[in-house]
mmCIF file of all heavy atoms, coordinates in Angstrom:
data_MODEL
# 
_entry.id   MODEL 
# 
loop_
_atom_site.group_PDB 
_atom_site.id 
_atom_site.type_symbol 
_atom_site.label_atom_id 
_atom_site.label_alt_id 
_atom_site.label_comp_id 
_atom_site.label_asym_id 
_atom_site.label_entity_id 
_atom_site.label_seq_id 
_atom_site.pdbx_PDB_ins_code 
_atom_site.Cartn_x 
_atom_site.Cartn_y 
_atom_site.Cartn_z 
_atom_site.occupancy 
_atom_site.B_iso_or_equiv 
_atom_site.pdbx_formal_charge 
_atom_site.auth_seq_id 
_atom_site.auth_comp_id 
_atom_site.auth_asym_id 
_atom_site.auth_atom_id 
_atom_site.pdbx_PDB_model_num 
ATOM 1   N N   . GLY A 1 1  ? 126.208 112.707 -26.504 1.00 0.00 ? 1  GLY A N   1 
ATOM 2   C CA  . GLY A 1 1  ? 126.140 114.000 -27.135 1.00 0.00 ? 1  GLY A CA  1 
ATOM 3   C C   . GLY A 1 1  ? 125.163 113.904 -28.277 1.00 0.00 ? 1  GLY A C   1 
ATOM 4   O O   . GLY A 1 1  ? 124.048 113.485 -28.144 1.00 0.00 ? 1  GLY A O   1 
ATOM 5   N N   . ASN A 1 2  ? 125.613 114.284 -29.501 1.00 0.00 ? 2  ASN A N   1 
ATOM 6   C CA  . ASN A 1 2  ? 124.724 114.164 -30.645 1.00 0.00 ? 2  ASN A CA  1 
ATOM 7   C C   . ASN A 1 2  ? 125.073 113.018 -31.540 1.00 0.00 ? 2  ASN A C   1 
ATOM 8   O O   . ASN A 1 2  ? 124.572 112.842 -32.650 1.00 0.00 ? 2  ASN A O   1 
ATOM 9   C CB  . ASN A 1 2  ? 124.732 115.464 -31.483 1.00 0.00 ? 2  ASN A CB  1 
ATOM 10  C CG  . ASN A 1 2  ? 126.159 115.785 -32.018 1.00 0.00 ? 2  ASN A CG  1 
ATOM 11  O OD1 . ASN A 1 2  ? 127.105 115.121 -31.657 1.00 0.00 ? 2  ASN A OD1 1 
ATOM 12  N ND2 . ASN A 1 2  ? 126.257 116.863 -32.780 1.00 0.00 ? 2  ASN A ND2 1 
ATOM 13  N N   . LYS A 1 3  ? 125.995 112.113 -31.075 1.00 0.00 ? 3  LYS A N   1 
ATOM 14  C CA  . LYS A 1 3  ? 126.407 110.971 -31.870 1.00 0.00 ? 3  LYS A CA  1 
ATOM 15  C C   . LYS A 1 3  ? 125.814 109.659 -31.290 1.00 0.00 ? 3  LYS A C   1 
ATOM 16  O O   . LYS A 1 3  ? 125.811 109.473 -30.060 1.00 0.00 ? 3  LYS A O   1 
ATOM 17  C CB  . LYS A 1 3  ? 127.904 110.811 -31.857 1.00 0.00 ? 3  LYS A CB  1 
ATOM 18  C CG  . LYS A 1 3  ? 128.615 111.922 -32.609 1.00 0.00 ? 3  LYS A CG  1 
ATOM 19  C CD  . LYS A 1 3  ? 130.109 111.570 -32.712 1.00 0.00 ? 3  LYS A CD  1 
ATOM 20  C CE  . LYS A 1 3  ? 130.771 112.679 -33.597 1.00 0.00 ? 3  LYS A CE  1 
ATOM 21  N NZ  . LYS A 1 3  ? 132.192 112.394 -33.810 1.00 0.00 ? 3  LYS A NZ  1 
ATOM 22  N N   . THR A 1 4  ? 125.313 108.830 -32.161 1.00 0.00 ? 4  THR A N   1 
ATOM 23  C CA  . THR A 1 4  ? 124.747 107.496 -31.744 1.00 0.00 ? 4  THR A CA  1 
ATOM 24  C C   . THR A 1 4  ? 125.959 106.643 -31.372 1.00 0.00 ? 4  THR A C   1 
ATOM 25  O O   . THR A 1 4  ? 126.935 106.497 -32.119 1.00 0.00 ? 4  THR A O   1 
ATOM 26  C CB  . THR A 1 4  ? 123.969 106.863 -32.856 1.00 0.00 ? 4  THR A CB  1 
ATOM 27  O OG1 . THR A 1 4  ? 122.883 107.705 -33.172 1.00 0.00 ? 4  THR A OG1 1 
ATOM 28  C CG2 . THR A 1 4  ? 123.472 105.470 -32.491 1.00 0.00 ? 4  THR A CG2 1 
ATOM 29  N N   . CYS A 1 5  ? 125.886 106.089 -30.185 1.00 0.00 ? 5  CYS A N   1 
ATOM 30  C CA  . CYS A 1 5  ? 126.992 105.215 -29.680 1.00 0.00 ? 5  CYS A CA  1 
ATOM 31  C C   . CYS A 1 5  ? 126.582 103.774 -29.522 1.00 0.00 ? 5  CYS A C   1 
ATOM 32  O O   . CYS A 1 5  ? 127.421 102.894 -29.247 1.00 0.00 ? 5  CYS A O   1 
ATOM 33  C CB  . CYS A 1 5  ? 127.585 105.776 -28.400 1.00 0.00 ? 5  CYS A CB  1 
ATOM 34  S SG  . CYS A 1 5  ? 126.392 105.890 -27.052 1.00 0.00 ? 5  CYS A SG  1 
ATOM 35  N N   . PHE A 1 6  ? 125.290 103.460 -29.601 1.00 0.00 ? 6  PHE A N   1 
ATOM 36  C CA  . PHE A 1 6  ? 124.797 102.140 -29.363 1.00 0.00 ? 6  PHE A CA  1 
ATOM 37  C C   . PHE A 1 6  ? 123.572 101.896 -30.182 1.00 0.00 ? 6  PHE A C   1 
ATOM 38  O O   . PHE A 1 6  ? 122.645 102.724 -30.148 1.00 0.00 ? 6  PHE A O   1 
ATOM 39  C CB  . PHE A 1 6  ? 124.492 101.919 -27.838 1.00 0.00 ? 6  PHE A CB  1 
ATOM 40  C CG  . PHE A 1 6  ? 124.010 100.486 -27.561 1.00 0.00 ? 6  PHE A CG  1 
ATOM 41  C CD1 . PHE A 1 6  ? 124.893 99.534  -27.225 1.00 0.00 ? 6  PHE A CD1 1 
ATOM 42  C CD2 . PHE A 1 6  ? 122.687 100.193 -27.597 1.00 0.00 ? 6  PHE A CD2 1 
ATOM 43  C CE1 . PHE A 1 6  ? 124.475 98.222  -26.936 1.00 0.00 ? 6  PHE A CE1 1 
ATOM 44  C CE2 . PHE A 1 6  ? 122.215 98.917  -27.353 1.00 0.00 ? 6  PHE A CE2 1 
ATOM 45  C CZ  . PHE A 1 6  ? 123.114 97.937  -27.021 1.00 0.00 ? 6  PHE A CZ  1 
ATOM 46  N N   . LEU A 1 7  ? 123.520 100.773 -30.943 1.00 0.00 ? 7  LEU A N   1 
ATOM 47  C CA  . LEU A 1 7  ? 122.318 100.424 -31.713 1.00 0.00 ? 7  LEU A CA  1 
ATOM 48  C C   . LEU A 1 7  ? 121.961 99.004  -31.415 1.00 0.00 ? 7  LEU A C   1 
ATOM 49  O O   . LEU A 1 7  ? 122.865 98.133  -31.416 1.00 0.00 ? 7  LEU A O   1 
ATOM 50  C CB  . LEU A 1 7  ? 122.590 100.567 -33.227 1.00 0.00 ? 7  LEU A CB  1 
ATOM 51  C CG  . LEU A 1 7  ? 122.884 101.983 -33.754 1.00 0.00 ? 7  LEU A CG  1 
ATOM 52  C CD1 . LEU A 1 7  ? 123.396 101.887 -35.160 1.00 0.00 ? 7  LEU A CD1 1 
ATOM 53  C CD2 . LEU A 1 7  ? 121.625 102.791 -33.709 1.00 0.00 ? 7  LEU A CD2 1 
ATOM 54  N N   . ALA A 1 8  ? 120.682 98.716  -31.232 1.00 0.00 ? 8  ALA A N   1 
ATOM 55  C CA  . ALA A 1 8  ? 120.190 97.316  -30.988 1.00 0.00 ? 8  ALA A CA  1 
ATOM 56  C C   . ALA A 1 8  ? 118.863 97.155  -31.587 1.00 0.00 ? 8  ALA A C   1 
ATOM 57  O O   . ALA A 1 8  ? 117.969 98.008  -31.461 1.00 0.00 ? 8  ALA A O   1 
ATOM 58  C CB  . ALA A 1 8  ? 120.175 97.014  -29.516 1.00 0.00 ? 8  ALA A CB  1 
ATOM 59  N N   . THR A 1 9  ? 118.668 96.078  -32.277 1.00 0.00 ? 9  THR A N   1 
ATOM 60  C CA  . THR A 1 9  ? 117.352 95.594  -32.729 1.00 0.00 ? 9  THR A CA  1 
ATOM 61  C C   . THR A 1 9  ? 117.244 94.224  -32.160 1.00 0.00 ? 9  THR A C   1 
ATOM 62  O O   . THR A 1 9  ? 118.030 93.332  -32.458 1.00 0.00 ? 9  THR A O   1 
ATOM 63  C CB  . THR A 1 9  ? 117.316 95.529  -34.271 1.00 0.00 ? 9  THR A CB  1 
ATOM 64  O OG1 . THR A 1 9  ? 117.533 96.831  -34.788 1.00 0.00 ? 9  THR A OG1 1 
ATOM 65  C CG2 . THR A 1 9  ? 115.938 95.063  -34.745 1.00 0.00 ? 9  THR A CG2 1 
ATOM 66  N N   . VAL A 1 10 ? 116.239 94.014  -31.253 1.00 0.00 ? 10 VAL A N   1 
ATOM 67  C CA  . VAL A 1 10 ? 116.179 92.723  -30.570 1.00 0.00 ? 10 VAL A CA  1 
ATOM 68  C C   . VAL A 1 10 ? 114.763 92.507  -30.076 1.00 0.00 ? 10 VAL A C   1 
ATOM 69  O O   . VAL A 1 10 ? 114.033 93.416  -29.703 1.00 0.00 ? 10 VAL A O   1 
ATOM 70  C CB  . VAL A 1 10 ? 117.152 92.697  -29.370 1.00 0.00 ? 10 VAL A CB  1 
ATOM 71  C CG1 . VAL A 1 10 ? 116.873 93.774  -28.387 1.00 0.00 ? 10 VAL A CG1 1 
ATOM 72  C CG2 . VAL A 1 10 ? 117.233 91.347  -28.689 1.00 0.00 ? 10 VAL A CG2 1 
ATOM 73  N N   . GLY A 1 11 ? 114.344 91.203  -30.122 1.00 0.00 ? 11 GLY A N   1 
ATOM 74  C CA  . GLY A 1 11 ? 113.164 90.746  -29.462 1.00 0.00 ? 11 GLY A CA  1 
ATOM 75  C C   . GLY A 1 11 ? 113.671 90.054  -28.228 1.00 0.00 ? 11 GLY A C   1 
ATOM 76  O O   . GLY A 1 11 ? 114.614 89.264  -28.273 1.00 0.00 ? 11 GLY A O   1 
ATOM 77  N N   . LEU A 1 12 ? 113.079 90.332  -27.060 1.00 0.00 ? 12 LEU A N   1 
ATOM 78  C CA  . LEU A 1 12 ? 113.634 89.754  -25.802 1.00 0.00 ? 12 LEU A CA  1 
ATOM 79  C C   . LEU A 1 12 ? 112.507 89.114  -24.998 1.00 0.00 ? 12 LEU A C   1 
ATOM 80  O O   . LEU A 1 12 ? 111.480 89.676  -24.761 1.00 0.00 ? 12 LEU A O   1 
ATOM 81  C CB  . LEU A 1 12 ? 114.245 90.921  -25.008 1.00 0.00 ? 12 LEU A CB  1 
ATOM 82  C CG  . LEU A 1 12 ? 114.902 90.540  -23.667 1.00 0.00 ? 12 LEU A CG  1 
ATOM 83  C CD1 . LEU A 1 12 ? 115.988 89.539  -23.815 1.00 0.00 ? 12 LEU A CD1 1 
ATOM 84  C CD2 . LEU A 1 12 ? 115.434 91.798  -22.978 1.00 0.00 ? 12 LEU A CD2 1 
ATOM 85  N N   . GLN A 1 13 ? 112.834 87.894  -24.540 1.00 0.00 ? 13 GLN A N   1 
ATOM 86  C CA  . GLN A 1 13 ? 111.896 87.131  -23.688 1.00 0.00 ? 13 GLN A CA  1 
ATOM 87  C C   . GLN A 1 13 ? 112.685 86.634  -22.485 1.00 0.00 ? 13 GLN A C   1 
ATOM 88  O O   . GLN A 1 13 ? 113.802 86.156  -22.631 1.00 0.00 ? 13 GLN A O   1 
ATOM 89  C CB  . GLN A 1 13 ? 111.356 85.929  -24.485 1.00 0.00 ? 13 GLN A CB  1 
ATOM 90  C CG  . GLN A 1 13 ? 110.343 85.137  -23.706 1.00 0.00 ? 13 GLN A CG  1 
ATOM 91  C CD  . GLN A 1 13 ? 109.803 83.992  -24.603 1.00 0.00 ? 13 GLN A CD  1 
ATOM 92  O OE1 . GLN A 1 13 ? 110.427 82.990  -24.704 1.00 0.00 ? 13 GLN A OE1 1 
ATOM 93  N NE2 . GLN A 1 13 ? 108.663 84.233  -25.232 1.00 0.00 ? 13 GLN A NE2 1 
ATOM 94  N N   . LEU A 1 14 ? 112.094 86.820  -21.299 1.00 0.00 ? 14 LEU A N   1 
ATOM 95  C CA  . LEU A 1 14 ? 112.708 86.337  -20.065 1.00 0.00 ? 14 LEU A CA  1 
ATOM 96  C C   . LEU A 1 14 ? 111.872 85.174  -19.547 1.00 0.00 ? 14 LEU A C   1 
ATOM 97  O O   . LEU A 1 14 ? 110.638 85.222  -19.527 1.00 0.00 ? 14 LEU A O   1 
ATOM 98  C CB  . LEU A 1 14 ? 112.689 87.472  -19.012 1.00 0.00 ? 14 LEU A CB  1 
ATOM 99  C CG  . LEU A 1 14 ? 113.451 88.700  -19.393 1.00 0.00 ? 14 LEU A CG  1 
ATOM 100 C CD1 . LEU A 1 14 ? 113.293 89.755  -18.321 1.00 0.00 ? 14 LEU A CD1 1 
ATOM 101 C CD2 . LEU A 1 14 ? 114.930 88.428  -19.603 1.00 0.00 ? 14 LEU A CD2 1 
ATOM 102 N N   . ASN A 1 15 ? 112.498 84.111  -19.154 1.00 0.00 ? 15 ASN A N   1 
ATOM 103 C CA  . ASN A 1 15 ? 111.908 82.960  -18.558 1.00 0.00 ? 15 ASN A CA  1 
ATOM 104 C C   . ASN A 1 15 ? 112.473 82.853  -17.130 1.00 0.00 ? 15 ASN A C   1 
ATOM 105 O O   . ASN A 1 15 ? 113.600 82.435  -16.954 1.00 0.00 ? 15 ASN A O   1 
ATOM 106 C CB  . ASN A 1 15 ? 112.190 81.729  -19.380 1.00 0.00 ? 15 ASN A CB  1 
ATOM 107 C CG  . ASN A 1 15 ? 111.468 80.517  -18.893 1.00 0.00 ? 15 ASN A CG  1 
ATOM 108 O OD1 . ASN A 1 15 ? 111.114 80.426  -17.727 1.00 0.00 ? 15 ASN A OD1 1 
ATOM 109 N ND2 . ASN A 1 15 ? 111.351 79.528  -19.762 1.00 0.00 ? 15 ASN A ND2 1 
ATOM 110 N N   . VAL A 1 16 ? 111.670 83.282  -16.126 1.00 0.00 ? 16 VAL A N   1 
ATOM 111 C CA  . VAL A 1 16 ? 112.150 83.263  -14.761 1.00 0.00 ? 16 VAL A CA  1 
ATOM 112 C C   . VAL A 1 16 ? 111.528 82.029  -14.039 1.00 0.00 ? 16 VAL A C   1 
ATOM 113 O O   . VAL A 1 16 ? 110.331 81.866  -14.054 1.00 0.00 ? 16 VAL A O   1 
ATOM 114 C CB  . VAL A 1 16 ? 111.708 84.538  -14.058 1.00 0.00 ? 16 VAL A CB  1 
ATOM 115 C CG1 . VAL A 1 16 ? 112.238 84.582  -12.596 1.00 0.00 ? 16 VAL A CG1 1 
ATOM 116 C CG2 . VAL A 1 16 ? 112.204 85.756  -14.830 1.00 0.00 ? 16 VAL A CG2 1 
ATOM 117 N N   . SER A 1 17 ? 112.393 81.202  -13.481 1.00 0.00 ? 17 SER A N   1 
ATOM 118 C CA  . SER A 1 17 ? 111.894 80.038  -12.750 1.00 0.00 ? 17 SER A CA  1 
ATOM 119 C C   . SER A 1 17 ? 112.305 80.190  -11.308 1.00 0.00 ? 17 SER A C   1 
ATOM 120 O O   . SER A 1 17 ? 113.306 79.615  -10.862 1.00 0.00 ? 17 SER A O   1 
ATOM 121 C CB  . SER A 1 17 ? 112.510 78.759  -13.365 1.00 0.00 ? 17 SER A CB  1 
ATOM 122 O OG  . SER A 1 17 ? 112.203 78.640  -14.674 1.00 0.00 ? 17 SER A OG  1 
ATOM 123 N N   . GLN A 1 18 ? 111.487 80.918  -10.586 1.00 0.00 ? 18 GLN A N   1 
ATOM 124 C CA  . GLN A 1 18 ? 111.773 81.126  -9.154  1.00 0.00 ? 18 GLN A CA  1 
ATOM 125 C C   . GLN A 1 18 ? 110.751 80.366  -8.342  1.00 0.00 ? 18 GLN A C   1 
ATOM 126 O O   . GLN A 1 18 ? 110.872 79.133  -8.227  1.00 0.00 ? 18 GLN A O   1 
ATOM 127 C CB  . GLN A 1 18 ? 111.860 82.615  -8.807  1.00 0.00 ? 18 GLN A CB  1 
ATOM 128 C CG  . GLN A 1 18 ? 112.572 82.934  -7.559  1.00 0.00 ? 18 GLN A CG  1 
ATOM 129 C CD  . GLN A 1 18 ? 112.882 84.378  -7.453  1.00 0.00 ? 18 GLN A CD  1 
ATOM 130 O OE1 . GLN A 1 18 ? 112.328 85.241  -8.153  1.00 0.00 ? 18 GLN A OE1 1 
ATOM 131 N NE2 . GLN A 1 18 ? 113.769 84.708  -6.548  1.00 0.00 ? 18 GLN A NE2 1 
ATOM 132 N N   . ASP A 1 19 ? 109.772 81.024  -7.776  1.00 0.00 ? 19 ASP A N   1 
ATOM 133 C CA  . ASP A 1 19 ? 108.737 80.306  -7.076  1.00 0.00 ? 19 ASP A CA  1 
ATOM 134 C C   . ASP A 1 19 ? 107.854 79.524  -8.027  1.00 0.00 ? 19 ASP A C   1 
ATOM 135 O O   . ASP A 1 19 ? 107.505 78.377  -7.777  1.00 0.00 ? 19 ASP A O   1 
ATOM 136 C CB  . ASP A 1 19 ? 107.871 81.276  -6.247  1.00 0.00 ? 19 ASP A CB  1 
ATOM 137 C CG  . ASP A 1 19 ? 108.676 82.002  -5.171  1.00 0.00 ? 19 ASP A CG  1 
ATOM 138 O OD1 . ASP A 1 19 ? 109.655 81.429  -4.691  1.00 0.00 ? 19 ASP A OD1 1 
ATOM 139 O OD2 . ASP A 1 19 ? 108.338 83.163  -4.839  1.00 0.00 ? 19 ASP A OD2 1 
ATOM 140 N N   . LYS A 1 20 ? 107.456 80.187  -9.096  1.00 0.00 ? 20 LYS A N   1 
ATOM 141 C CA  . LYS A 1 20 ? 106.718 79.507  -10.181 1.00 0.00 ? 20 LYS A CA  1 
ATOM 142 C C   . LYS A 1 20 ? 107.218 80.056  -11.465 1.00 0.00 ? 20 LYS A C   1 
ATOM 143 O O   . LYS A 1 20 ? 107.670 81.183  -11.520 1.00 0.00 ? 20 LYS A O   1 
ATOM 144 C CB  . LYS A 1 20 ? 105.192 79.707  -10.010 1.00 0.00 ? 20 LYS A CB  1 
ATOM 145 C CG  . LYS A 1 20 ? 104.758 81.141  -10.118 1.00 0.00 ? 20 LYS A CG  1 
ATOM 146 C CD  . LYS A 1 20 ? 103.258 81.283  -9.973  1.00 0.00 ? 20 LYS A CD  1 
ATOM 147 C CE  . LYS A 1 20 ? 102.853 82.730  -10.183 1.00 0.00 ? 20 LYS A CE  1 
ATOM 148 N NZ  . LYS A 1 20 ? 101.444 82.898  -10.255 1.00 0.00 ? 20 LYS A NZ  1 
ATOM 149 N N   . PRO A 1 21 ? 107.212 79.280  -12.556 1.00 0.00 ? 21 PRO A N   1 
ATOM 150 C CA  . PRO A 1 21 ? 107.744 79.736  -13.799 1.00 0.00 ? 21 PRO A CA  1 
ATOM 151 C C   . PRO A 1 21 ? 106.942 80.975  -14.295 1.00 0.00 ? 21 PRO A C   1 
ATOM 152 O O   . PRO A 1 21 ? 105.753 81.065  -14.165 1.00 0.00 ? 21 PRO A O   1 
ATOM 153 C CB  . PRO A 1 21 ? 107.511 78.575  -14.793 1.00 0.00 ? 21 PRO A CB  1 
ATOM 154 C CG  . PRO A 1 21 ? 107.397 77.381  -13.905 1.00 0.00 ? 21 PRO A CG  1 
ATOM 155 C CD  . PRO A 1 21 ? 106.775 77.891  -12.630 1.00 0.00 ? 21 PRO A CD  1 
ATOM 156 N N   . LEU A 1 22 ? 107.711 81.927  -14.821 1.00 0.00 ? 22 LEU A N   1 
ATOM 157 C CA  . LEU A 1 22 ? 107.159 83.177  -15.316 1.00 0.00 ? 22 LEU A CA  1 
ATOM 158 C C   . LEU A 1 22 ? 107.798 83.517  -16.645 1.00 0.00 ? 22 LEU A C   1 
ATOM 159 O O   . LEU A 1 22 ? 109.009 83.565  -16.756 1.00 0.00 ? 22 LEU A O   1 
ATOM 160 C CB  . LEU A 1 22 ? 107.354 84.307  -14.318 1.00 0.00 ? 22 LEU A CB  1 
ATOM 161 C CG  . LEU A 1 22 ? 106.934 85.703  -14.737 1.00 0.00 ? 22 LEU A CG  1 
ATOM 162 C CD1 . LEU A 1 22 ? 105.433 85.773  -14.913 1.00 0.00 ? 22 LEU A CD1 1 
ATOM 163 C CD2 . LEU A 1 22 ? 107.400 86.759  -13.674 1.00 0.00 ? 22 LEU A CD2 1 
ATOM 164 N N   . LEU A 1 23 ? 106.993 83.691  -17.679 1.00 0.00 ? 23 LEU A N   1 
ATOM 165 C CA  . LEU A 1 23 ? 107.492 84.004  -19.002 1.00 0.00 ? 23 LEU A CA  1 
ATOM 166 C C   . LEU A 1 23 ? 107.117 85.475  -19.307 1.00 0.00 ? 23 LEU A C   1 
ATOM 167 O O   . LEU A 1 23 ? 105.921 85.850  -19.232 1.00 0.00 ? 23 LEU A O   1 
ATOM 168 C CB  . LEU A 1 23 ? 106.823 83.085  -20.034 1.00 0.00 ? 23 LEU A CB  1 
ATOM 169 C CG  . LEU A 1 23 ? 107.336 83.071  -21.430 1.00 0.00 ? 23 LEU A CG  1 
ATOM 170 C CD1 . LEU A 1 23 ? 108.802 82.479  -21.430 1.00 0.00 ? 23 LEU A CD1 1 
ATOM 171 C CD2 . LEU A 1 23 ? 106.452 82.207  -22.343 1.00 0.00 ? 23 LEU A CD2 1 
ATOM 172 N N   . ILE A 1 24 ? 108.109 86.296  -19.643 1.00 0.00 ? 24 ILE A N   1 
ATOM 173 C CA  . ILE A 1 24 ? 107.836 87.716  -19.931 1.00 0.00 ? 24 ILE A CA  1 
ATOM 174 C C   . ILE A 1 24 ? 108.437 88.071  -21.283 1.00 0.00 ? 24 ILE A C   1 
ATOM 175 O O   . ILE A 1 24 ? 109.625 87.894  -21.499 1.00 0.00 ? 24 ILE A O   1 
ATOM 176 C CB  . ILE A 1 24 ? 108.591 88.581  -18.862 1.00 0.00 ? 24 ILE A CB  1 
ATOM 177 C CG1 . ILE A 1 24 ? 108.142 88.218  -17.477 1.00 0.00 ? 24 ILE A CG1 1 
ATOM 178 C CG2 . ILE A 1 24 ? 108.318 90.057  -19.153 1.00 0.00 ? 24 ILE A CG2 1 
ATOM 179 C CD1 . ILE A 1 24 ? 109.016 88.822  -16.406 1.00 0.00 ? 24 ILE A CD1 1 
ATOM 180 N N   . ASN A 1 25 ? 107.560 88.514  -22.189 1.00 0.00 ? 25 ASN A N   1 
ATOM 181 C CA  . ASN A 1 25 ? 108.058 89.068  -23.435 1.00 0.00 ? 25 ASN A CA  1 
ATOM 182 C C   . ASN A 1 25 ? 108.181 90.600  -23.219 1.00 0.00 ? 25 ASN A C   1 
ATOM 183 O O   . ASN A 1 25 ? 107.210 91.251  -22.809 1.00 0.00 ? 25 ASN A O   1 
ATOM 184 C CB  . ASN A 1 25 ? 107.070 88.841  -24.589 1.00 0.00 ? 25 ASN A CB  1 
ATOM 185 C CG  . ASN A 1 25 ? 107.212 87.456  -25.190 1.00 0.00 ? 25 ASN A CG  1 
ATOM 186 O OD1 . ASN A 1 25 ? 108.214 86.791  -24.937 1.00 0.00 ? 25 ASN A OD1 1 
ATOM 187 N ND2 . ASN A 1 25 ? 106.251 87.043  -25.986 1.00 0.00 ? 25 ASN A ND2 1 
ATOM 188 N N   . ILE A 1 26 ? 109.340 91.130  -23.532 1.00 0.00 ? 26 ILE A N   1 
ATOM 189 C CA  . ILE A 1 26 ? 109.537 92.577  -23.418 1.00 0.00 ? 26 ILE A CA  1 
ATOM 190 C C   . ILE A 1 26 ? 108.843 93.260  -24.597 1.00 0.00 ? 26 ILE A C   1 
ATOM 191 O O   . ILE A 1 26 ? 109.140 92.908  -25.760 1.00 0.00 ? 26 ILE A O   1 
ATOM 192 C CB  . ILE A 1 26 ? 111.025 92.935  -23.384 1.00 0.00 ? 26 ILE A CB  1 
ATOM 193 C CG1 . ILE A 1 26 ? 111.761 92.270  -22.207 1.00 0.00 ? 26 ILE A CG1 1 
ATOM 194 C CG2 . ILE A 1 26 ? 111.219 94.453  -23.299 1.00 0.00 ? 26 ILE A CG2 1 
ATOM 195 C CD1 . ILE A 1 26 ? 111.267 92.605  -20.796 1.00 0.00 ? 26 ILE A CD1 1 
ATOM 196 N N   . ASN A 1 27 ? 107.894 94.107  -24.350 1.00 0.00 ? 27 ASN A N   1 
ATOM 197 C CA  . ASN A 1 27 ? 107.105 94.796  -25.394 1.00 0.00 ? 27 ASN A CA  1 
ATOM 198 C C   . ASN A 1 27 ? 107.820 96.056  -25.823 1.00 0.00 ? 27 ASN A C   1 
ATOM 199 O O   . ASN A 1 27 ? 107.876 97.047  -25.027 1.00 0.00 ? 27 ASN A O   1 
ATOM 200 C CB  . ASN A 1 27 ? 105.672 95.100  -24.868 1.00 0.00 ? 27 ASN A CB  1 
ATOM 201 C CG  . ASN A 1 27 ? 104.831 95.743  -25.913 1.00 0.00 ? 27 ASN A CG  1 
ATOM 202 O OD1 . ASN A 1 27 ? 105.304 96.134  -26.991 1.00 0.00 ? 27 ASN A OD1 1 
ATOM 203 N ND2 . ASN A 1 27 ? 103.537 95.801  -25.588 1.00 0.00 ? 27 ASN A ND2 1 
# 
């Protein structure tokens, strides 16, 4: 509605090691 129900401040990086390692910084 008009009320904030979730707040997050975060830097997030994913390191996926499947076929080849992949590093993803969420922009």
